[in-house]
Amino acid sequence: MTLAAFVANKSGQVQVTSMSGPLCPSGAMCPMYAIAYTLTVTVTQ
């Protein structure tokens, strides 16, 4: 689980994107997958 906190400085819209993949030792078999997550945040007054 990963947690994150953000502070809005003004009104508007922004996309927050996070990507991750496996950390495999050199020379070892490694699964080929990636995880991508995009969050669109809209701040209004």
PDB file of N, CA and C in Angstrom:
ATOM      1  N   MET A   1       0.841  -1.154   0.000  1.00  0.00           N
ATOM      2  CA  MET A   1       0.000   0.000   0.000  1.00  0.00           C
ATOM      3  C   MET A   1       0.897   1.232   0.000  1.00  0.00           C
ATOM      4  N   THR A   2       0.514   2.216  -0.756  1.00  0.00           N
ATOM      5  CA  THR A   2       1.223   3.495  -0.799  1.00  0.00           C
ATOM      6  C   THR A   2       0.234   4.600  -0.504  1.00  0.00           C
ATOM      7  N   LEU A   3       0.635   5.530   0.341  1.00  0.00           N
ATOM      8  CA  LEU A   3      -0.213   6.668   0.675  1.00  0.00           C
ATOM      9  C   LEU A   3       0.469   7.950   0.200  1.00  0.00           C
ATOM     10  N   ALA A   4      -0.318   8.928  -0.168  1.00  0.00           N
ATOM     11  CA  ALA A   4       0.218  10.219  -0.593  1.00  0.00           C
ATOM     12  C   ALA A   4      -0.738  11.314  -0.161  1.00  0.00           C
ATOM     13  N   ALA A   5      -0.195  12.490   0.075  1.00  0.00           N
ATOM     14  CA  ALA A   5      -1.011  13.657   0.441  1.00  0.00           C
ATOM     15  C   ALA A   5      -0.619  14.815  -0.466  1.00  0.00           C
ATOM     16  N   PHE A   6      -1.603  15.630  -0.815  1.00  0.00           N
ATOM     17  CA  PHE A   6      -1.374  16.773  -1.693  1.00  0.00           C
ATOM     18  C   PHE A   6      -2.034  18.000  -1.083  1.00  0.00           C
ATOM     19  N   VAL A   7      -1.477  19.168  -1.386  1.00  0.00           N
ATOM     20  CA  VAL A   7      -2.042  20.438  -0.938  1.00  0.00           C
ATOM     21  C   VAL A   7      -2.341  21.267  -2.176  1.00  0.00           C
ATOM     22  N   ALA A   8      -3.577  21.760  -2.286  1.00  0.00           N
ATOM     23  CA  ALA A   8      -3.960  22.605  -3.418  1.00  0.00           C
ATOM     24  C   ALA A   8      -3.616  24.055  -3.105  1.00  0.00           C
ATOM     25  N   ASN A   9      -2.883  24.689  -4.017  1.00  0.00           N
ATOM     26  CA  ASN A   9      -2.509  26.098  -3.855  1.00  0.00           C
ATOM     27  C   ASN A   9      -3.466  27.040  -4.568  1.00  0.00           C
ATOM     28  N   LYS A  10      -4.208  26.520  -5.561  1.00  0.00           N
ATOM     29  CA  LYS A  10      -5.161  27.344  -6.297  1.00  0.00           C
ATOM     30  C   LYS A  10      -6.146  26.438  -7.015  1.00  0.00           C
ATOM     31  N   SER A  11      -7.203  27.012  -7.548  1.00  0.00           N
ATOM     32  CA  SER A  11      -8.206  26.264  -8.312  1.00  0.00           C
ATOM     33  C   SER A  11      -7.611  25.791  -9.622  1.00  0.00           C
ATOM     34  N   GLY A  12      -8.122  24.681 -10.124  1.00  0.00           N
ATOM     35  CA  GLY A  12      -7.671  24.179 -11.420  1.00  0.00           C
ATOM     36  C   GLY A  12      -7.751  22.666 -11.481  1.00  0.00           C
ATOM     37  N   GLN A  13      -7.111  22.114 -12.492  1.00  0.00           N
ATOM     38  CA  GLN A  13      -7.134  20.677 -12.698  1.00  0.00           C
ATOM     39  C   GLN A  13      -5.720  20.198 -12.987  1.00  0.00           C
ATOM     40  N   VAL A  14      -5.368  19.023 -12.456  1.00  0.00           N
ATOM     41  CA  VAL A  14      -4.034  18.454 -12.678  1.00  0.00           C
ATOM     42  C   VAL A  14      -4.153  16.938 -12.729  1.00  0.00           C
ATOM     43  N   GLN A  15      -3.254  16.294 -13.478  1.00  0.00           N
ATOM     44  CA  GLN A  15      -3.176  14.844 -13.498  1.00  0.00           C
ATOM     45  C   GLN A  15      -1.940  14.408 -12.726  1.00  0.00           C
ATOM     46  N   VAL A  16      -2.126  13.452 -11.830  1.00  0.00           N
ATOM     47  CA  VAL A  16      -1.027  12.866 -11.065  1.00  0.00           C
ATOM     48  C   VAL A  16      -0.846  11.454 -11.605  1.00  0.00           C
ATOM     49  N   THR A  17       0.361  11.118 -12.050  1.00  0.00           N
ATOM     50  CA  THR A  17       0.634   9.819 -12.649  1.00  0.00           C
ATOM     51  C   THR A  17       1.737   9.108 -11.874  1.00  0.00           C
ATOM     52  N   SER A  18       1.542   7.819 -11.652  1.00  0.00           N
ATOM     53  CA  SER A  18       2.518   6.995 -10.947  1.00  0.00           C
ATOM     54  C   SER A  18       2.735   5.719 -11.752  1.00  0.00           C
ATOM     55  N   MET A  19       3.995   5.271 -11.846  1.00  0.00           N
ATOM     56  CA  MET A  19       4.310   4.030 -12.549  1.00  0.00           C
ATOM     57  C   MET A  19       5.257   3.207 -11.694  1.00  0.00           C
ATOM     58  N   SER A  20       5.135   1.877 -11.812  1.00  0.00           N
ATOM     59  CA  SER A  20       5.978   0.974 -11.042  1.00  0.00           C
ATOM     60  C   SER A  20       6.195  -0.309 -11.827  1.00  0.00           C
ATOM     61  N   GLY A  21       7.274  -0.990 -11.519  1.00  0.00           N
ATOM     62  CA  GLY A  21       7.585  -2.279 -12.119  1.00  0.00           C
ATOM     63  C   GLY A  21       8.405  -3.088 -11.134  1.00  0.00           C
ATOM     64  N   PRO A  22       8.682  -4.342 -11.464  1.00  0.00           N
ATOM     65  CA  PRO A  22       9.414  -5.195 -10.537  1.00  0.00           C
ATOM     66  C   PRO A  22      10.880  -4.778 -10.404  1.00  0.00           C
ATOM     67  N   LEU A  23      11.444  -5.012  -9.216  1.00  0.00           N
ATOM     68  CA  LEU A  23      12.873  -4.829  -8.980  1.00  0.00           C
ATOM     69  C   LEU A  23      13.482  -6.231  -8.890  1.00  0.00           C
ATOM     70  N   CYS A  24      14.167  -6.641  -9.944  1.00  0.00           N
ATOM     71  CA  CYS A  24      14.689  -8.008 -10.011  1.00  0.00           C
ATOM     72  C   CYS A  24      16.212  -7.999  -9.932  1.00  0.00           C
ATOM     73  N   PRO A  25      16.801  -9.006  -9.265  1.00  0.00           N
ATOM     74  CA  PRO A  25      18.259  -9.091  -9.219  1.00  0.00           C
ATOM     75  C   PRO A  25      18.829  -9.341 -10.606  1.00  0.00           C
ATOM     76  N   SER A  26      20.037  -8.866 -10.829  1.00  0.00           N
ATOM     77  CA  SER A  26      20.708  -9.032 -12.119  1.00  0.00           C
ATOM     78  C   SER A  26      20.876 -10.517 -12.438  1.00  0.00           C
ATOM     79  N   GLY A  27      20.519 -10.921 -13.650  1.00  0.00           N
ATOM     80  CA  GLY A  27      20.686 -12.293 -14.099  1.00  0.00           C
ATOM     81  C   GLY A  27      19.575 -13.236 -13.672  1.00  0.00           C
ATOM     82  N   ALA A  28      18.621 -12.764 -12.869  1.00  0.00           N
ATOM     83  CA  ALA A  28      17.517 -13.616 -12.411  1.00  0.00           C
ATOM     84  C   ALA A  28      16.324 -13.482 -13.346  1.00  0.00           C
ATOM     85  N   MET A  29      15.476 -14.529 -13.375  1.00  0.00           N
ATOM     86  CA  MET A  29      14.240 -14.432 -14.138  1.00  0.00           C
ATOM     87  C   MET A  29      13.360 -13.368 -13.493  1.00  0.00           C
ATOM     88  N   CYS A  30      12.672 -12.611 -14.326  1.00  0.00           N
ATOM     89  CA  CYS A  30      11.896 -11.491 -13.811  1.00  0.00           C
ATOM     90  C   CYS A  30      10.573 -11.397 -14.581  1.00  0.00           C
ATOM     91  N   PRO A  31       9.444 -11.245 -13.883  1.00  0.00           N
ATOM     92  CA  PRO A  31       8.176 -11.073 -14.607  1.00  0.00           C
ATOM     93  C   PRO A  31       8.166  -9.730 -15.339  1.00  0.00           C
ATOM     94  N   MET A  32       7.552  -9.715 -16.494  1.00  0.00           N
ATOM     95  CA  MET A  32       7.490  -8.506 -17.303  1.00  0.00           C
ATOM     96  C   MET A  32       6.121  -7.855 -17.133  1.00  0.00           C
ATOM     97  N   TYR A  33       5.995  -7.034 -16.133  1.00  0.00           N
ATOM     98  CA  TYR A  33       4.745  -6.315 -15.930  1.00  0.00           C
ATOM     99  C   TYR A  33       5.053  -4.896 -15.465  1.00  0.00           C
ATOM    100  N   ALA A  34       4.111  -4.030 -15.653  1.00  0.00           N
ATOM    101  CA  ALA A  34       4.209  -2.648 -15.179  1.00  0.00           C
ATOM    102  C   ALA A  34       2.841  -2.235 -14.645  1.00  0.00           C
ATOM    103  N   ILE A  35       2.868  -1.369 -13.676  1.00  0.00           N
ATOM    104  CA  ILE A  35       1.630  -0.859 -13.090  1.00  0.00           C
ATOM    105  C   ILE A  35       1.593   0.649 -13.325  1.00  0.00           C
ATOM    106  N   ALA A  36       0.515   1.130 -13.895  1.00  0.00           N
ATOM    107  CA  ALA A  36       0.366   2.561 -14.144  1.00  0.00           C
ATOM    108  C   ALA A  36      -0.940   3.039 -13.503  1.00  0.00           C
ATOM    109  N   TYR A  37      -0.892   4.215 -12.913  1.00  0.00           N
ATOM    110  CA  TYR A  37      -2.066   4.777 -12.251  1.00  0.00           C
ATOM    111  C   TYR A  37      -2.105   6.264 -12.559  1.00  0.00           C
ATOM    112  N   THR A  38      -3.240   6.761 -13.010  1.00  0.00           N
ATOM    113  CA  THR A  38      -3.412   8.188 -13.273  1.00  0.00           C
ATOM    114  C   THR A  38      -4.644   8.677 -12.525  1.00  0.00           C
ATOM    115  N   LEU A  39      -4.475   9.793 -11.838  1.00  0.00           N
ATOM    116  CA  LEU A  39      -5.549  10.392 -11.063  1.00  0.00           C
ATOM    117  C   LEU A  39      -5.733  11.825 -11.550  1.00  0.00           C
ATOM    118  N   THR A  40      -6.948  12.204 -11.887  1.00  0.00           N
ATOM    119  CA  THR A  40      -7.246  13.570 -12.269  1.00  0.00           C
ATOM    120  C   THR A  40      -7.901  14.276 -11.064  1.00  0.00           C
ATOM    121  N   VAL A  41      -7.301  15.372 -10.654  1.00  0.00           N
ATOM    122  CA  VAL A  41      -7.786  16.131  -9.490  1.00  0.00           C
ATOM    123  C   VAL A  41      -8.318  17.471  -9.977  1.00  0.00           C
ATOM    124  N   THR A  42      -9.545  17.806  -9.583  1.00  0.00           N
ATOM    125  CA  THR A  42     -10.131  19.111  -9.896  1.00  0.00           C
ATOM    126  C   THR A  42     -10.379  19.847  -8.578  1.00  0.00           C
ATOM    127  N   VAL A  43      -9.826  21.049  -8.469  1.00  0.00           N
ATOM    128  CA  VAL A  43      -9.978  21.870  -7.267  1.00  0.00           C
ATOM    129  C   VAL A  43     -10.858  23.066  -7.601  1.00  0.00           C
ATOM    130  N   THR A  44     -11.928  23.240  -6.843  1.00  0.00           N
ATOM    131  CA  THR A  44     -12.811  24.389  -7.030  1.00  0.00           C
ATOM    132  C   THR A  44     -12.882  25.178  -5.725  1.00  0.00           C
ATOM    133  N   GLN A  45     -13.307  26.404  -5.835  1.00  0.00           N
ATOM    134  CA  GLN A  45     -13.430  27.242  -4.635  1.00  0.00           C
ATOM    135  C   GLN A  45     -14.714  26.974  -3.915  1.00  0.00           C
TER     136      GLN A  45
END
